[in-house]
Amino acid sequence: MSDTKDKQDREEFCMKEKKNKQSQQRDRAQSERNKKEKIPSDVLGSYTGVPQDGEKPEQDADDL
């Protein structure tokens, strides 16, 4: 009977560890998504930055 209880305890512990690991992975993934969402972007290619030296941005071939 003790052997069965030990096995159940180990299985329960393993399940909790697995859930904890999955939760940590989800948290890290969400954190990465949040970081990416904070970066301003424009998929149409409009200039969205602010030059550090006050100059106007150059127009590249992909801007045409």
PDB file of N, CA and C in Angstrom:
ATOM      1  N   MET A   1       0.820  -1.190   0.000  1.00  0.00           N
ATOM      2  CA  MET A   1       0.000   0.000   0.000  1.00  0.00           C
ATOM      3  C   MET A   1       0.867   1.258   0.000  1.00  0.00           C
ATOM      4  N   SER A   2       1.926   1.262   0.751  1.00  0.00           N
ATOM      5  CA  SER A   2       2.836   2.404   0.797  1.00  0.00           C
ATOM      6  C   SER A   2       3.480   2.643  -0.565  1.00  0.00           C
ATOM      7  N   ASP A   3       3.753   1.555  -1.266  1.00  0.00           N
ATOM      8  CA  ASP A   3       4.358   1.654  -2.592  1.00  0.00           C
ATOM      9  C   ASP A   3       3.422   2.371  -3.566  1.00  0.00           C
ATOM     10  N   THR A   4       2.146   2.066  -3.475  1.00  0.00           N
ATOM     11  CA  THR A   4       1.141   2.696  -4.323  1.00  0.00           C
ATOM     12  C   THR A   4       1.019   4.182  -3.996  1.00  0.00           C
ATOM     13  N   LYS A   5       1.045   4.503  -2.721  1.00  0.00           N
ATOM     14  CA  LYS A   5       0.960   5.902  -2.274  1.00  0.00           C
ATOM     15  C   LYS A   5       2.185   6.679  -2.754  1.00  0.00           C
ATOM     16  N   ASP A   6       3.357   6.084  -2.653  1.00  0.00           N
ATOM     17  CA  ASP A   6       4.582   6.736  -3.127  1.00  0.00           C
ATOM     18  C   ASP A   6       4.501   7.017  -4.623  1.00  0.00           C
ATOM     19  N   LYS A   7       3.993   6.058  -5.374  1.00  0.00           N
ATOM     20  CA  LYS A   7       3.860   6.223  -6.813  1.00  0.00           C
ATOM     21  C   LYS A   7       2.888   7.360  -7.133  1.00  0.00           C
ATOM     22  N   GLN A   8       1.780   7.416  -6.414  1.00  0.00           N
ATOM     23  CA  GLN A   8       0.798   8.482  -6.622  1.00  0.00           C
ATOM     24  C   GLN A   8       1.401   9.842  -6.277  1.00  0.00           C
ATOM     25  N   ASP A   9       2.161   9.878  -5.185  1.00  0.00           N
ATOM     26  CA  ASP A   9       2.810  11.132  -4.778  1.00  0.00           C
ATOM     27  C   ASP A   9       3.799  11.603  -5.846  1.00  0.00           C
ATOM     28  N   ARG A  10       4.576  10.674  -6.393  1.00  0.00           N
ATOM     29  CA  ARG A  10       5.546  11.035  -7.435  1.00  0.00           C
ATOM     30  C   ARG A  10       4.826  11.531  -8.688  1.00  0.00           C
ATOM     31  N   GLU A  11       3.757  10.857  -9.056  1.00  0.00           N
ATOM     32  CA  GLU A  11       2.997  11.268 -10.237  1.00  0.00           C
ATOM     33  C   GLU A  11       2.381  12.652 -10.032  1.00  0.00           C
ATOM     34  N   GLU A  12       1.855  12.875  -8.850  1.00  0.00           N
ATOM     35  CA  GLU A  12       1.268  14.180  -8.537  1.00  0.00           C
ATOM     36  C   GLU A  12       2.338  15.265  -8.581  1.00  0.00           C
ATOM     37  N   PHE A  13       3.491  14.972  -8.018  1.00  0.00           N
ATOM     38  CA  PHE A  13       4.599  15.924  -8.024  1.00  0.00           C
ATOM     39  C   PHE A  13       5.022  16.227  -9.463  1.00  0.00           C
ATOM     40  N   CYS A  14       5.145  15.191 -10.284  1.00  0.00           N
ATOM     41  CA  CYS A  14       5.545  15.370 -11.683  1.00  0.00           C
ATOM     42  C   CYS A  14       4.525  16.207 -12.447  1.00  0.00           C
ATOM     43  N   MET A  15       3.252  15.980 -12.201  1.00  0.00           N
ATOM     44  CA  MET A  15       2.204  16.752 -12.871  1.00  0.00           C
ATOM     45  C   MET A  15       2.269  18.227 -12.465  1.00  0.00           C
ATOM     46  N   LYS A  16       2.499  18.470 -11.172  1.00  0.00           N
ATOM     47  CA  LYS A  16       2.612  19.857 -10.703  1.00  0.00           C
ATOM     48  C   LYS A  16       3.832  20.529 -11.327  1.00  0.00           C
ATOM     49  N   GLU A  17       4.933  19.811 -11.401  1.00  0.00           N
ATOM     50  CA  GLU A  17       6.147  20.358 -12.013  1.00  0.00           C
ATOM     51  C   GLU A  17       5.911  20.662 -13.491  1.00  0.00           C
ATOM     52  N   LYS A  18       5.230  19.774 -14.177  1.00  0.00           N
ATOM     53  CA  LYS A  18       4.942  19.962 -15.595  1.00  0.00           C
ATOM     54  C   LYS A  18       4.055  21.193 -15.802  1.00  0.00           C
ATOM     55  N   LYS A  19       3.015  21.325 -14.977  1.00  0.00           N
ATOM     56  CA  LYS A  19       2.128  22.484 -15.081  1.00  0.00           C
ATOM     57  C   LYS A  19       2.886  23.770 -14.769  1.00  0.00           C
ATOM     58  N   ASN A  20       3.759  23.713 -13.771  1.00  0.00           N
ATOM     59  CA  ASN A  20       4.555  24.885 -13.411  1.00  0.00           C
ATOM     60  C   ASN A  20       5.468  25.290 -14.568  1.00  0.00           C
ATOM     61  N   LYS A  21       6.107  24.308 -15.187  1.00  0.00           N
ATOM     62  CA  LYS A  21       6.992  24.577 -16.313  1.00  0.00           C
ATOM     63  C   LYS A  21       6.211  25.169 -17.488  1.00  0.00           C
ATOM     64  N   GLN A  22       5.038  24.614 -17.767  1.00  0.00           N
ATOM     65  CA  GLN A  22       4.201  25.129 -18.854  1.00  0.00           C
ATOM     66  C   GLN A  22       3.772  26.566 -18.566  1.00  0.00           C
ATOM     67  N   SER A  23       3.442  26.828 -17.322  1.00  0.00           N
ATOM     68  CA  SER A  23       3.039  28.176 -16.931  1.00  0.00           C
ATOM     69  C   SER A  23       4.196  29.162 -17.117  1.00  0.00           C
ATOM     70  N   GLN A  24       5.389  28.752 -16.739  1.00  0.00           N
ATOM     71  CA  GLN A  24       6.561  29.609 -16.915  1.00  0.00           C
ATOM     72  C   GLN A  24       6.832  29.866 -18.391  1.00  0.00           C
ATOM     73  N   GLN A  25       6.671  28.852 -19.207  1.00  0.00           N
ATOM     74  CA  GLN A  25       6.880  29.008 -20.650  1.00  0.00           C
ATOM     75  C   GLN A  25       5.854  29.977 -21.238  1.00  0.00           C
ATOM     76  N   ARG A  26       4.600  29.852 -20.807  1.00  0.00           N
ATOM     77  CA  ARG A  26       3.564  30.783 -21.280  1.00  0.00           C
ATOM     78  C   ARG A  26       3.895  32.206 -20.854  1.00  0.00           C
ATOM     79  N   ASP A  27       4.349  32.364 -19.605  1.00  0.00           N
ATOM     80  CA  ASP A  27       4.691  33.695 -19.112  1.00  0.00           C
ATOM     81  C   ASP A  27       5.835  34.308 -19.913  1.00  0.00           C
ATOM     82  N   ARG A  28       6.856  33.490 -20.225  1.00  0.00           N
ATOM     83  CA  ARG A  28       7.979  33.993 -21.020  1.00  0.00           C
ATOM     84  C   ARG A  28       7.522  34.360 -22.427  1.00  0.00           C
ATOM     85  N   ALA A  29       6.689  33.532 -23.011  1.00  0.00           N
ATOM     86  CA  ALA A  29       6.187  33.811 -24.354  1.00  0.00           C
ATOM     87  C   ALA A  29       5.363  35.095 -24.363  1.00  0.00           C
ATOM     88  N   GLN A  30       4.521  35.274 -23.370  1.00  0.00           N
ATOM     89  CA  GLN A  30       3.710  36.489 -23.279  1.00  0.00           C
ATOM     90  C   GLN A  30       4.596  37.705 -23.087  1.00  0.00           C
ATOM     91  N   SER A  31       5.628  37.566 -22.279  1.00  0.00           N
ATOM     92  CA  SER A  31       6.566  38.660 -22.058  1.00  0.00           C
ATOM     93  C   SER A  31       7.251  39.059 -23.358  1.00  0.00           C
ATOM     94  N   GLU A  32       7.644  38.073 -24.159  1.00  0.00           N
ATOM     95  CA  GLU A  32       8.262  38.360 -25.453  1.00  0.00           C
ATOM     96  C   GLU A  32       7.278  39.049 -26.388  1.00  0.00           C
ATOM     97  N   ARG A  33       6.033  38.596 -26.380  1.00  0.00           N
ATOM     98  CA  ARG A  33       5.020  39.248 -27.222  1.00  0.00           C
ATOM     99  C   ARG A  33       4.814  40.689 -26.775  1.00  0.00           C
ATOM    100  N   ASN A  34       4.800  40.922 -25.479  1.00  0.00           N
ATOM    101  CA  ASN A  34       4.613  42.280 -24.967  1.00  0.00           C
ATOM    102  C   ASN A  34       5.764  43.179 -25.394  1.00  0.00           C
ATOM    103  N   LYS A  35       6.978  42.657 -25.368  1.00  0.00           N
ATOM    104  CA  LYS A  35       8.132  43.445 -25.802  1.00  0.00           C
ATOM    105  C   LYS A  35       7.987  43.818 -27.268  1.00  0.00           C
ATOM    106  N   LYS A  36       7.567  42.871 -28.084  1.00  0.00           N
ATOM    107  CA  LYS A  36       7.426  43.122 -29.510  1.00  0.00           C
ATOM    108  C   LYS A  36       6.315  44.127 -29.776  1.00  0.00           C
ATOM    109  N   GLU A  37       5.261  44.086 -29.015  1.00  0.00           N
ATOM    110  CA  GLU A  37       4.141  44.991 -29.229  1.00  0.00           C
ATOM    111  C   GLU A  37       4.501  46.429 -28.877  1.00  0.00           C
ATOM    112  N   LYS A  38       5.478  46.632 -28.025  1.00  0.00           N
ATOM    113  CA  LYS A  38       5.865  47.976 -27.613  1.00  0.00           C
ATOM    114  C   LYS A  38       6.695  48.689 -28.676  1.00  0.00           C
ATOM    115  N   ILE A  39       7.218  47.939 -29.656  1.00  0.00           N
ATOM    116  CA  ILE A  39       8.031  48.540 -30.700  1.00  0.00           C
ATOM    117  C   ILE A  39       7.092  49.113 -31.751  1.00  0.00           C
ATOM    118  N   PRO A  40       7.122  50.434 -31.943  1.00  0.00           N
ATOM    119  CA  PRO A  40       6.235  51.017 -32.943  1.00  0.00           C
ATOM    120  C   PRO A  40       6.663  50.581 -34.340  1.00  0.00           C
ATOM    121  N   SER A  41       5.709  50.208 -35.146  1.00  0.00           N
ATOM    122  CA  SER A  41       6.028  49.801 -36.514  1.00  0.00           C
ATOM    123  C   SER A  41       4.899  50.220 -37.439  1.00  0.00           C
ATOM    124  N   ASP A  42       5.244  50.272 -38.702  1.00  0.00           N
ATOM    125  CA  ASP A  42       4.281  50.635 -39.721  1.00  0.00           C
ATOM    126  C   ASP A  42       4.492  49.706 -40.900  1.00  0.00           C
ATOM    127  N   VAL A  43       3.573  48.758 -41.090  1.00  0.00           N
ATOM    128  CA  VAL A  43       3.739  47.763 -42.138  1.00  0.00           C
ATOM    129  C   VAL A  43       3.661  48.359 -43.534  1.00  0.00           C
ATOM    130  N   LEU A  44       3.119  49.557 -43.670  1.00  0.00           N
ATOM    131  CA  LEU A  44       3.053  50.202 -44.975  1.00  0.00           C
ATOM    132  C   LEU A  44       4.344  50.938 -45.315  1.00  0.00           C
ATOM    133  N   GLY A  45       5.252  51.030 -44.369  1.00  0.00           N
ATOM    134  CA  GLY A  45       6.572  51.593 -44.645  1.00  0.00           C
ATOM    135  C   GLY A  45       6.710  53.080 -44.408  1.00  0.00           C
ATOM    136  N   SER A  46       5.753  53.718 -43.793  1.00  0.00           N
ATOM    137  CA  SER A  46       5.889  55.138 -43.499  1.00  0.00           C
ATOM    138  C   SER A  46       6.979  55.354 -42.460  1.00  0.00           C
ATOM    139  N   TYR A  47       7.635  56.494 -42.543  1.00  0.00           N
ATOM    140  CA  TYR A  47       8.674  56.818 -41.570  1.00  0.00           C
ATOM    141  C   TYR A  47       8.002  57.129 -40.236  1.00  0.00           C
ATOM    142  N   THR A  48       8.401  56.431 -39.206  1.00  0.00           N
ATOM    143  CA  THR A  48       7.768  56.628 -37.888  1.00  0.00           C
ATOM    144  C   THR A  48       8.776  57.029 -36.819  1.00  0.00           C
ATOM    145  N   GLY A  49      10.045  57.135 -37.189  1.00  0.00           N
ATOM    146  CA  GLY A  49      11.079  57.417 -36.194  1.00  0.00           C
ATOM    147  C   GLY A  49      11.312  58.894 -35.987  1.00  0.00           C
ATOM    148  N   VAL A  50      12.194  59.200 -35.074  1.00  0.00           N
ATOM    149  CA  VAL A  50      12.597  60.563 -34.785  1.00  0.00           C
ATOM    150  C   VAL A  50      14.116  60.599 -34.903  1.00  0.00           C
ATOM    151  N   PRO A  51      14.660  61.399 -35.839  1.00  0.00           N
ATOM    152  CA  PRO A  51      16.108  61.434 -35.985  1.00  0.00           C
ATOM    153  C   PRO A  51      16.766  62.026 -34.739  1.00  0.00           C
ATOM    154  N   GLN A  52      17.915  61.474 -34.381  1.00  0.00           N
ATOM    155  CA  GLN A  52      18.609  61.942 -33.179  1.00  0.00           C
ATOM    156  C   GLN A  52      19.266  63.286 -33.402  1.00  0.00           C
ATOM    157  N   ASP A  53      19.727  63.538 -34.634  1.00  0.00           N
ATOM    158  CA  ASP A  53      20.464  64.771 -34.904  1.00  0.00           C
ATOM    159  C   ASP A  53      19.599  65.863 -35.525  1.00  0.00           C
ATOM    160  N   GLY A  54      18.303  65.630 -35.655  1.00  0.00           N
ATOM    161  CA  GLY A  54      17.394  66.637 -36.181  1.00  0.00           C
ATOM    162  C   GLY A  54      17.312  66.699 -37.692  1.00  0.00           C
ATOM    163  N   GLU A  55      18.091  65.884 -38.411  1.00  0.00           N
ATOM    164  CA  GLU A  55      18.063  65.896 -39.863  1.00  0.00           C
ATOM    165  C   GLU A  55      16.838  65.156 -40.387  1.00  0.00           C
ATOM    166  N   LYS A  56      16.484  65.437 -41.666  1.00  0.00           N
ATOM    167  CA  LYS A  56      15.386  64.731 -42.295  1.00  0.00           C
ATOM    168  C   LYS A  56      15.872  63.351 -42.720  1.00  0.00           C
ATOM    169  N   PRO A  57      15.010  62.353 -42.695  1.00  0.00           N
ATOM    170  CA  PRO A  57      15.412  61.013 -43.101  1.00  0.00           C
ATOM    171  C   PRO A  57      15.610  60.922 -44.615  1.00  0.00           C
ATOM    172  N   GLU A  58      16.514  60.048 -45.038  1.00  0.00           N
ATOM    173  CA  GLU A  58      16.728  59.814 -46.474  1.00  0.00           C
ATOM    174  C   GLU A  58      15.655  58.848 -46.983  1.00  0.00           C
ATOM    175  N   GLN A  59      15.342  59.000 -48.246  1.00  0.00           N
ATOM    176  CA  GLN A  59      14.362  58.116 -48.854  1.00  0.00           C
ATOM    177  C   GLN A  59      15.087  56.993 -49.587  1.00  0.00           C
ATOM    178  N   ASP A  60      14.816  55.755 -49.211  1.00  0.00           N
ATOM    179  CA  ASP A  60      15.426  54.595 -49.840  1.00  0.00           C
ATOM    180  C   ASP A  60      14.568  54.147 -51.023  1.00  0.00           C
ATOM    181  N   ALA A  61      15.114  53.216 -51.811  1.00  0.00           N
ATOM    182  CA  ALA A  61      14.386  52.671 -52.955  1.00  0.00           C
ATOM    183  C   ALA A  61      13.096  51.985 -52.517  1.00  0.00           C
ATOM    184  N   ASP A  62      13.119  51.360 -51.341  1.00  0.00           N
ATOM    185  CA  ASP A  62      11.909  50.654 -50.885  1.00  0.00           C
ATOM    186  C   ASP A  62      10.833  51.618 -50.384  1.00  0.00           C
ATOM    187  N   ASP A  63      11.180  52.902 -50.283  1.00  0.00           N
ATOM    188  CA  ASP A  63      10.195  53.903 -49.850  1.00  0.00           C
ATOM    189  C   ASP A  63       9.377  54.434 -51.020  1.00  0.00           C
ATOM    190  N   LEU A  64       9.827  54.153 -52.235  1.00  0.00           N
ATOM    191  CA  LEU A  64       9.170  54.727 -53.424  1.00  0.00           C
ATOM    192  C   LEU A  64       7.895  54.020 -53.769  1.00  0.00           C
TER     193      LEU A  64
END
